[in-house]
Protein backbone atom coordinates (compact mmCIF):
# COMPACT_ATOMS: atom_id res chain seq x y z
CA MET A 1 12.77 2.41 5.41
CA ASN A 2 11.71 3.62 8.51
CA VAL A 3 9.68 6.50 7.03
CA ARG A 4 8.32 5.13 4.12
CA LEU A 5 6.86 1.55 5.46
CA PRO A 6 4.71 3.41 8.02
CA GLN A 7 3.50 6.02 5.11
CA LEU A 8 2.79 3.04 3.07
CA ALA A 9 0.59 1.65 6.04
CA ASP A 10 -1.13 5.13 6.44
CA TYR A 11 -2.42 4.21 2.66
CA GLY A 12 -3.30 0.82 3.54
CA LEU A 13 -0.70 -0.86 1.09
CA VAL A 14 1.25 -2.69 3.69
CA GLU A 15 0.44 -3.52 6.98
CA LYS A 16 2.42 -4.43 10.41
CA VAL A 17 2.76 -8.06 11.28
CA GLY A 18 5.05 -9.69 13.83
CA PRO A 19 4.92 -11.28 17.66
CA ALA A 20 5.92 -7.36 18.69
CA LYS A 21 4.21 -4.03 17.91
CA ASN A 22 7.72 -2.70 17.36
CA SER A 23 8.88 -5.53 15.00
CA GLY A 24 9.39 -3.90 11.92
CA LEU A 25 7.89 -6.48 10.17
CA TYR A 26 5.13 -5.35 7.42
CA GLU A 27 3.04 -7.95 5.05
CA ILE A 28 1.92 -6.20 1.66
CA THR A 29 -1.99 -6.09 1.47
CA GLU A 30 -4.32 -6.67 -0.77
CA LEU A 31 -4.42 -3.06 -1.82
CA GLY A 32 -0.92 -3.16 -2.03
CA LEU A 33 -0.84 -5.88 -4.50
CA LEU A 34 -3.41 -4.02 -6.67
CA ALA A 35 -1.25 -0.99 -6.80
CA VAL A 36 1.82 -2.99 -8.01
CA GLU A 37 -0.33 -4.70 -10.57
CA ASN A 38 -1.32 -1.15 -11.65
CA ARG A 39 1.91 0.82 -11.18
CA GLU A 40 2.03 1.58 -14.89
CA LYS A 41 -1.09 3.56 -14.16
CA TYR A 42 0.34 5.72 -11.50
CA GLY A 43 1.59 8.60 -13.98
CA GLU A 44 -1.38 8.47 -16.19
CA VAL A 45 -4.55 9.32 -13.73
CA GLU A 46 -5.18 11.73 -11.99
CA ASP A 47 -5.60 10.46 -8.11
CA PHE A 48 -4.11 7.13 -8.14
CA GLY A 49 -5.54 6.09 -4.83
CA GLN A 50 -8.96 6.58 -6.19
CA TYR A 51 -8.33 4.75 -9.14
CA LEU A 52 -7.32 2.01 -6.80
CA GLU A 53 -10.71 2.28 -4.66
CA ASN A 54 -12.71 2.04 -8.00
CA ALA A 55 -10.76 -0.94 -8.82
CA THR A 56 -11.82 -2.81 -5.72
CA GLU A 57 -15.14 -2.16 -6.19
């Protein structure tokens, strides 16, 4: 978890929240929710990140 959550944050799928910088609390972002809603497309499209970006436009 300590490795994966910062990676997800780098992709904009979650963001750190909480009273302290190192609190370890994360919240899913709108882009993260979109990724969850479209997870079945992950193996079907060539670039899932680009797919999500296009879906937000």
